[in-house]
Amino acid sequence: MADHFNTLDSAGTVETVEFTHQGSLAPTFTSTAPWYPPYNCTITAVRASLGVAPSVQAVKVDVQKNGTSIYTVTTANRPSVAASAKTALGGAPDTTALTTADYLTVSATQADTAGAAATLVVQVSYTRSA
């Protein structure tokens, strides 16, 4: 997951950083390239999408702030792409505030047992903090 880039919505208020992992997700992995926010911001959403859907078991994704999950209390809110599906929006994260000193990484905590799932994109949306 060395690739990430930012996009801005049409209203100019929500930005998204994308973490991309090409290839198989088996067994699991953690990104090695951290992303540092360009300014203080608040995470608003996390979406996981796959180029190839899992065939047997869901692919579960986590986002870490400085090495700790942003879903520390409500782990069920982590994005989970179901078998035969290609995308899932996560629920509200427990940790949303980021400063320019923080960094994000992404990991797949559960992969498809058949090894079918591949090409993961994790989008973390955020807004600039006041």
N, C-alpha and C. Protein backbone atom coordinates (compact mmCIF):
# COMPACT_ATOMS: atom_id res chain seq x y z
N MET A 1 0.83 -1.19 0.00
CA MET A 1 0.00 0.00 0.00
C MET A 1 0.87 1.24 0.00
N ALA A 2 1.72 1.36 -0.92
CA ALA A 2 2.61 2.50 -0.96
C ALA A 2 1.99 3.69 -1.67
N ASP A 3 0.90 3.48 -2.37
CA ASP A 3 0.31 4.56 -3.15
C ASP A 3 -0.84 5.22 -2.39
N HIS A 4 -0.81 6.55 -2.31
CA HIS A 4 -1.98 7.27 -1.83
C HIS A 4 -1.98 8.65 -2.46
N PHE A 5 -3.20 9.18 -2.67
CA PHE A 5 -3.33 10.52 -3.22
C PHE A 5 -4.61 11.15 -2.70
N ASN A 6 -4.69 12.47 -2.80
CA ASN A 6 -5.84 13.21 -2.28
C ASN A 6 -6.74 13.68 -3.40
N THR A 7 -8.05 13.73 -3.10
CA THR A 7 -9.03 14.33 -4.01
C THR A 7 -9.91 15.27 -3.20
N LEU A 8 -10.59 16.18 -3.87
CA LEU A 8 -11.46 17.17 -3.23
C LEU A 8 -12.83 17.08 -3.87
N ASP A 9 -13.90 17.11 -3.04
CA ASP A 9 -15.25 17.03 -3.61
C ASP A 9 -15.59 18.32 -4.35
N SER A 10 -16.70 18.29 -5.10
CA SER A 10 -17.07 19.43 -5.94
C SER A 10 -17.39 20.68 -5.13
N ALA A 11 -17.83 20.51 -3.88
CA ALA A 11 -18.13 21.68 -3.04
C ALA A 11 -16.87 22.24 -2.40
N GLY A 12 -15.77 21.48 -2.49
CA GLY A 12 -14.51 21.94 -1.94
C GLY A 12 -14.42 21.83 -0.43
N THR A 13 -15.21 20.95 0.17
CA THR A 13 -15.22 20.85 1.63
C THR A 13 -14.71 19.52 2.17
N VAL A 14 -14.92 18.44 1.43
CA VAL A 14 -14.48 17.12 1.89
C VAL A 14 -13.35 16.63 0.99
N GLU A 15 -12.24 16.27 1.62
CA GLU A 15 -11.12 15.70 0.88
C GLU A 15 -11.04 14.22 1.18
N THR A 16 -10.42 13.47 0.29
CA THR A 16 -10.28 12.03 0.46
C THR A 16 -8.86 11.63 0.13
N VAL A 17 -8.27 10.84 1.00
CA VAL A 17 -6.98 10.23 0.71
C VAL A 17 -7.27 8.77 0.39
N GLU A 18 -6.63 8.25 -0.66
CA GLU A 18 -6.83 6.86 -1.08
C GLU A 18 -5.55 6.07 -0.87
N PHE A 19 -5.70 4.93 -0.20
CA PHE A 19 -4.61 3.98 -0.03
C PHE A 19 -4.90 2.84 -1.01
N THR A 20 -3.93 2.45 -1.82
CA THR A 20 -4.15 1.43 -2.84
C THR A 20 -3.18 0.27 -2.64
N HIS A 21 -3.71 -0.93 -2.69
CA HIS A 21 -2.90 -2.15 -2.65
C HIS A 21 -3.24 -2.98 -3.86
N GLN A 22 -2.28 -3.19 -4.75
CA GLN A 22 -2.48 -3.99 -5.95
C GLN A 22 -2.19 -5.45 -5.64
N GLY A 23 -2.97 -6.35 -6.21
CA GLY A 23 -2.71 -7.77 -6.06
C GLY A 23 -3.51 -8.42 -4.96
N SER A 24 -3.13 -9.65 -4.63
CA SER A 24 -3.85 -10.48 -3.67
C SER A 24 -3.79 -9.91 -2.25
N LEU A 25 -4.82 -10.19 -1.48
CA LEU A 25 -4.88 -9.75 -0.10
C LEU A 25 -4.58 -10.89 0.87
N ALA A 26 -4.26 -12.05 0.36
CA ALA A 26 -4.01 -13.20 1.24
C ALA A 26 -2.58 -13.20 1.72
N PRO A 27 -2.31 -13.50 2.99
CA PRO A 27 -3.33 -13.70 4.02
C PRO A 27 -3.89 -12.38 4.54
N THR A 28 -3.09 -11.53 5.10
CA THR A 28 -3.49 -10.17 5.50
C THR A 28 -2.26 -9.30 5.32
N PHE A 29 -2.40 -7.99 5.51
CA PHE A 29 -1.25 -7.11 5.35
C PHE A 29 -1.48 -5.81 6.10
N THR A 30 -0.41 -5.08 6.28
CA THR A 30 -0.46 -3.72 6.84
C THR A 30 0.36 -2.83 5.92
N SER A 31 -0.17 -1.65 5.63
CA SER A 31 0.55 -0.73 4.76
C SER A 31 1.83 -0.26 5.44
N THR A 32 2.82 0.03 4.63
CA THR A 32 4.09 0.50 5.18
C THR A 32 4.30 1.98 4.92
N ALA A 33 3.53 2.56 4.03
CA ALA A 33 3.69 3.98 3.70
C ALA A 33 2.66 4.81 4.47
N PRO A 34 3.08 5.58 5.45
CA PRO A 34 2.13 6.40 6.21
C PRO A 34 1.70 7.62 5.41
N TRP A 35 0.52 8.14 5.73
CA TRP A 35 0.04 9.39 5.15
C TRP A 35 -0.08 10.41 6.27
N TYR A 36 0.50 11.59 6.06
CA TYR A 36 0.45 12.68 7.03
C TYR A 36 -0.50 13.75 6.51
N PRO A 37 -1.48 14.18 7.32
CA PRO A 37 -2.42 15.21 6.86
C PRO A 37 -1.70 16.53 6.61
N PRO A 38 -2.15 17.28 5.59
CA PRO A 38 -1.51 18.56 5.28
C PRO A 38 -1.89 19.67 6.27
N TYR A 39 -2.93 19.42 7.08
CA TYR A 39 -3.40 20.37 8.09
C TYR A 39 -4.24 19.59 9.10
N ASN A 40 -4.60 20.21 10.21
CA ASN A 40 -5.47 19.56 11.19
C ASN A 40 -6.81 19.27 10.53
N CYS A 41 -7.34 18.08 10.77
CA CYS A 41 -8.58 17.69 10.10
C CYS A 41 -9.36 16.68 10.93
N THR A 42 -10.58 16.38 10.46
CA THR A 42 -11.48 15.45 11.11
C THR A 42 -11.92 14.38 10.10
N ILE A 43 -11.74 13.12 10.45
CA ILE A 43 -12.16 12.02 9.58
C ILE A 43 -13.68 11.96 9.57
N THR A 44 -14.27 11.88 8.38
CA THR A 44 -15.73 11.84 8.25
C THR A 44 -16.26 10.50 7.75
N ALA A 45 -15.44 9.72 7.04
CA ALA A 45 -15.91 8.44 6.50
C ALA A 45 -14.72 7.59 6.06
N VAL A 46 -14.95 6.27 6.05
CA VAL A 46 -13.96 5.32 5.54
C VAL A 46 -14.69 4.32 4.66
N ARG A 47 -14.20 4.13 3.44
CA ARG A 47 -14.78 3.17 2.49
C ARG A 47 -13.68 2.23 2.00
N ALA A 48 -14.01 0.94 1.91
CA ALA A 48 -13.10 -0.05 1.33
C ALA A 48 -13.73 -0.59 0.05
N SER A 49 -12.95 -0.69 -1.02
CA SER A 49 -13.43 -1.21 -2.29
C SER A 49 -12.41 -2.19 -2.85
N LEU A 50 -12.91 -3.19 -3.56
CA LEU A 50 -12.06 -4.23 -4.15
C LEU A 50 -12.26 -4.31 -5.64
N GLY A 51 -11.17 -4.57 -6.37
CA GLY A 51 -11.27 -4.80 -7.81
C GLY A 51 -11.83 -6.17 -8.10
N VAL A 52 -11.51 -7.15 -7.24
CA VAL A 52 -12.02 -8.51 -7.35
C VAL A 52 -12.69 -8.85 -6.03
N ALA A 53 -13.97 -9.19 -6.08
CA ALA A 53 -14.75 -9.47 -4.87
C ALA A 53 -14.27 -10.74 -4.17
N PRO A 54 -14.38 -10.78 -2.84
CA PRO A 54 -14.09 -12.01 -2.13
C PRO A 54 -15.13 -13.07 -2.47
N SER A 55 -14.73 -14.34 -2.50
CA SER A 55 -15.68 -15.39 -2.90
C SER A 55 -16.25 -16.16 -1.72
N VAL A 56 -15.52 -16.22 -0.60
CA VAL A 56 -15.96 -17.05 0.52
C VAL A 56 -16.20 -16.23 1.79
N GLN A 57 -15.28 -15.36 2.11
CA GLN A 57 -15.29 -14.67 3.40
C GLN A 57 -15.07 -13.18 3.19
N ALA A 58 -15.66 -12.37 4.05
CA ALA A 58 -15.52 -10.92 3.96
C ALA A 58 -14.07 -10.48 4.12
N VAL A 59 -13.74 -9.35 3.50
CA VAL A 59 -12.45 -8.70 3.71
C VAL A 59 -12.70 -7.57 4.69
N LYS A 60 -11.99 -7.59 5.81
CA LYS A 60 -12.16 -6.57 6.85
C LYS A 60 -10.94 -5.65 6.85
N VAL A 61 -11.21 -4.36 6.95
CA VAL A 61 -10.17 -3.35 6.84
C VAL A 61 -10.13 -2.51 8.11
N ASP A 62 -8.94 -2.06 8.47
CA ASP A 62 -8.78 -1.16 9.61
C ASP A 62 -7.91 0.00 9.19
N VAL A 63 -8.13 1.14 9.82
CA VAL A 63 -7.30 2.34 9.63
C VAL A 63 -6.67 2.64 10.97
N GLN A 64 -5.37 2.88 10.96
CA GLN A 64 -4.66 3.19 12.19
C GLN A 64 -4.15 4.63 12.19
N LYS A 65 -4.33 5.29 13.32
CA LYS A 65 -3.76 6.62 13.56
C LYS A 65 -2.57 6.41 14.49
N ASN A 66 -1.39 6.74 14.02
CA ASN A 66 -0.16 6.57 14.80
C ASN A 66 -0.01 5.14 15.33
N GLY A 67 -0.47 4.16 14.54
CA GLY A 67 -0.32 2.76 14.91
C GLY A 67 -1.47 2.16 15.70
N THR A 68 -2.48 2.96 16.06
CA THR A 68 -3.62 2.48 16.85
C THR A 68 -4.91 2.63 16.04
N SER A 69 -5.75 1.61 16.07
CA SER A 69 -6.99 1.63 15.30
C SER A 69 -7.84 2.85 15.62
N ILE A 70 -8.48 3.40 14.59
CA ILE A 70 -9.43 4.50 14.82
C ILE A 70 -10.79 3.92 15.24
N TYR A 71 -10.89 2.59 15.26
CA TYR A 71 -12.10 1.88 15.69
C TYR A 71 -11.81 1.09 16.96
N THR A 72 -11.27 1.73 17.99
CA THR A 72 -10.85 1.02 19.20
C THR A 72 -12.02 0.52 20.04
N VAL A 73 -13.14 1.23 20.05
CA VAL A 73 -14.30 0.84 20.87
C VAL A 73 -15.31 0.05 20.03
N THR A 74 -15.69 0.60 18.90
CA THR A 74 -16.69 -0.05 18.04
C THR A 74 -16.00 -0.72 16.86
N THR A 75 -15.36 -1.84 17.12
CA THR A 75 -14.64 -2.54 16.05
C THR A 75 -15.58 -3.02 14.95
N ALA A 76 -16.84 -3.21 15.27
CA ALA A 76 -17.82 -3.64 14.25
C ALA A 76 -18.05 -2.57 13.19
N ASN A 77 -17.61 -1.34 13.44
CA ASN A 77 -17.78 -0.26 12.47
C ASN A 77 -16.71 -0.26 11.38
N ARG A 78 -15.68 -1.09 11.52
CA ARG A 78 -14.65 -1.17 10.48
C ARG A 78 -15.29 -1.61 9.17
N PRO A 79 -14.83 -1.07 8.04
CA PRO A 79 -15.37 -1.52 6.76
C PRO A 79 -15.16 -3.02 6.57
N SER A 80 -16.20 -3.71 6.14
CA SER A 80 -16.16 -5.15 5.91
C SER A 80 -16.84 -5.44 4.58
N VAL A 81 -16.05 -5.80 3.58
CA VAL A 81 -16.59 -6.08 2.25
C VAL A 81 -17.02 -7.54 2.20
N ALA A 82 -18.32 -7.76 2.11
CA ALA A 82 -18.89 -9.11 2.17
C ALA A 82 -18.51 -9.94 0.94
N ALA A 83 -18.58 -11.26 1.10
CA ALA A 83 -18.35 -12.17 -0.03
C ALA A 83 -19.27 -11.78 -1.18
N SER A 84 -18.74 -11.76 -2.38
CA SER A 84 -19.42 -11.39 -3.63
C SER A 84 -19.67 -9.89 -3.78
N ALA A 85 -19.33 -9.08 -2.78
CA ALA A 85 -19.48 -7.62 -2.88
C ALA A 85 -18.14 -6.99 -3.24
N LYS A 86 -18.20 -5.74 -3.65
CA LYS A 86 -16.96 -5.05 -4.03
C LYS A 86 -16.69 -3.79 -3.22
N THR A 87 -17.63 -3.37 -2.36
CA THR A 87 -17.38 -2.16 -1.59
C THR A 87 -18.19 -2.16 -0.30
N ALA A 88 -17.69 -1.43 0.69
CA ALA A 88 -18.39 -1.28 1.97
C ALA A 88 -17.97 0.03 2.61
N LEU A 89 -18.95 0.72 3.14
CA LEU A 89 -18.71 1.96 3.89
C LEU A 89 -18.66 1.59 5.36
N GLY A 90 -17.61 2.02 6.05
CA GLY A 90 -17.51 1.74 7.46
C GLY A 90 -18.43 2.64 8.26
N GLY A 91 -18.69 2.25 9.50
CA GLY A 91 -19.47 3.09 10.40
C GLY A 91 -18.59 4.20 10.97
N ALA A 92 -19.14 4.96 11.88
CA ALA A 92 -18.41 6.09 12.46
C ALA A 92 -17.20 5.59 13.25
N PRO A 93 -16.02 6.16 12.98
CA PRO A 93 -14.84 5.79 13.76
C PRO A 93 -14.90 6.41 15.16
N ASP A 94 -14.20 5.78 16.10
CA ASP A 94 -14.13 6.31 17.46
C ASP A 94 -13.16 7.48 17.56
N THR A 95 -12.12 7.44 16.76
CA THR A 95 -11.11 8.50 16.73
C THR A 95 -11.23 9.22 15.39
N THR A 96 -11.45 10.53 15.43
CA THR A 96 -11.63 11.27 14.17
C THR A 96 -10.67 12.44 14.02
N ALA A 97 -10.12 12.96 15.10
CA ALA A 97 -9.27 14.16 15.03
C ALA A 97 -7.85 13.81 14.60
N LEU A 98 -7.32 14.57 13.64
CA LEU A 98 -5.94 14.41 13.18
C LEU A 98 -5.24 15.76 13.20
N THR A 99 -3.96 15.74 13.56
CA THR A 99 -3.12 16.92 13.45
C THR A 99 -2.05 16.64 12.40
N THR A 100 -1.28 17.63 12.05
CA THR A 100 -0.23 17.45 11.05
C THR A 100 0.89 16.55 11.57
N ALA A 101 0.94 16.30 12.86
CA ALA A 101 1.95 15.41 13.45
C ALA A 101 1.51 13.95 13.43
N ASP A 102 0.23 13.71 13.17
CA ASP A 102 -0.31 12.35 13.12
C ASP A 102 -0.07 11.71 11.76
N TYR A 103 -0.19 10.39 11.70
CA TYR A 103 -0.13 9.70 10.42
C TYR A 103 -1.14 8.56 10.40
N LEU A 104 -1.60 8.20 9.20
CA LEU A 104 -2.53 7.08 9.02
C LEU A 104 -1.85 5.96 8.24
N THR A 105 -2.19 4.73 8.60
CA THR A 105 -1.85 3.56 7.82
C THR A 105 -3.12 2.70 7.72
N VAL A 106 -3.10 1.72 6.85
CA VAL A 106 -4.27 0.88 6.60
C VAL A 106 -3.84 -0.59 6.65
N SER A 107 -4.73 -1.44 7.13
CA SER A 107 -4.44 -2.87 7.10
C SER A 107 -5.70 -3.66 6.77
N ALA A 108 -5.49 -4.82 6.18
CA ALA A 108 -6.58 -5.79 6.00
C ALA A 108 -6.42 -6.77 7.15
N THR A 109 -7.41 -6.81 8.04
CA THR A 109 -7.32 -7.66 9.21
C THR A 109 -7.92 -9.03 8.99
N GLN A 110 -8.68 -9.17 7.91
CA GLN A 110 -9.22 -10.48 7.52
C GLN A 110 -9.31 -10.52 6.01
N ALA A 111 -8.80 -11.58 5.42
CA ALA A 111 -8.84 -11.73 3.96
C ALA A 111 -9.75 -12.91 3.59
N ASP A 112 -10.15 -12.95 2.34
CA ASP A 112 -10.97 -14.03 1.82
C ASP A 112 -10.18 -15.34 1.93
N THR A 113 -10.76 -16.35 2.57
CA THR A 113 -10.05 -17.62 2.75
C THR A 113 -9.74 -18.31 1.44
N ALA A 114 -10.51 -18.01 0.39
CA ALA A 114 -10.24 -18.60 -0.93
C ALA A 114 -9.14 -17.85 -1.67
N GLY A 115 -8.76 -16.69 -1.17
CA GLY A 115 -7.71 -15.90 -1.81
C GLY A 115 -8.15 -15.18 -3.06
N ALA A 116 -9.45 -15.08 -3.28
CA ALA A 116 -9.94 -14.47 -4.52
C ALA A 116 -9.86 -12.94 -4.49
N ALA A 117 -10.09 -12.32 -3.35
CA ALA A 117 -10.15 -10.86 -3.26
C ALA A 117 -8.81 -10.24 -3.64
N ALA A 118 -8.88 -9.15 -4.41
CA ALA A 118 -7.64 -8.49 -4.83
C ALA A 118 -7.90 -7.03 -5.15
N THR A 119 -6.82 -6.27 -5.18
CA THR A 119 -6.79 -4.85 -5.53
C THR A 119 -7.72 -4.04 -4.61
N LEU A 120 -7.17 -3.66 -3.47
CA LEU A 120 -7.92 -2.94 -2.45
C LEU A 120 -7.65 -1.45 -2.52
N VAL A 121 -8.72 -0.67 -2.43
CA VAL A 121 -8.62 0.79 -2.31
C VAL A 121 -9.38 1.18 -1.05
N VAL A 122 -8.70 1.87 -0.14
CA VAL A 122 -9.34 2.37 1.08
C VAL A 122 -9.34 3.88 1.00
N GLN A 123 -10.54 4.46 1.06
CA GLN A 123 -10.71 5.90 0.98
C GLN A 123 -11.07 6.44 2.36
N VAL A 124 -10.27 7.38 2.84
CA VAL A 124 -10.51 8.04 4.12
C VAL A 124 -10.87 9.49 3.80
N SER A 125 -12.13 9.86 4.09
CA SER A 125 -12.59 11.24 3.82
C SER A 125 -12.43 12.07 5.07
N TYR A 126 -12.13 13.36 4.87
CA TYR A 126 -11.90 14.24 6.01
C TYR A 126 -12.21 15.68 5.65
N THR A 127 -12.44 16.49 6.67
CA THR A 127 -12.65 17.92 6.50
C THR A 127 -11.60 18.67 7.30
N ARG A 128 -11.32 19.87 6.86
CA ARG A 128 -10.36 20.73 7.56
C ARG A 128 -10.95 21.16 8.89
N SER A 129 -10.14 21.06 9.96
CA SER A 129 -10.59 21.50 11.27
C SER A 129 -10.41 23.01 11.41
N ALA A 130 -11.27 23.60 12.24
CA ALA A 130 -11.20 25.05 12.45
C ALA A 130 -10.00 25.42 13.29
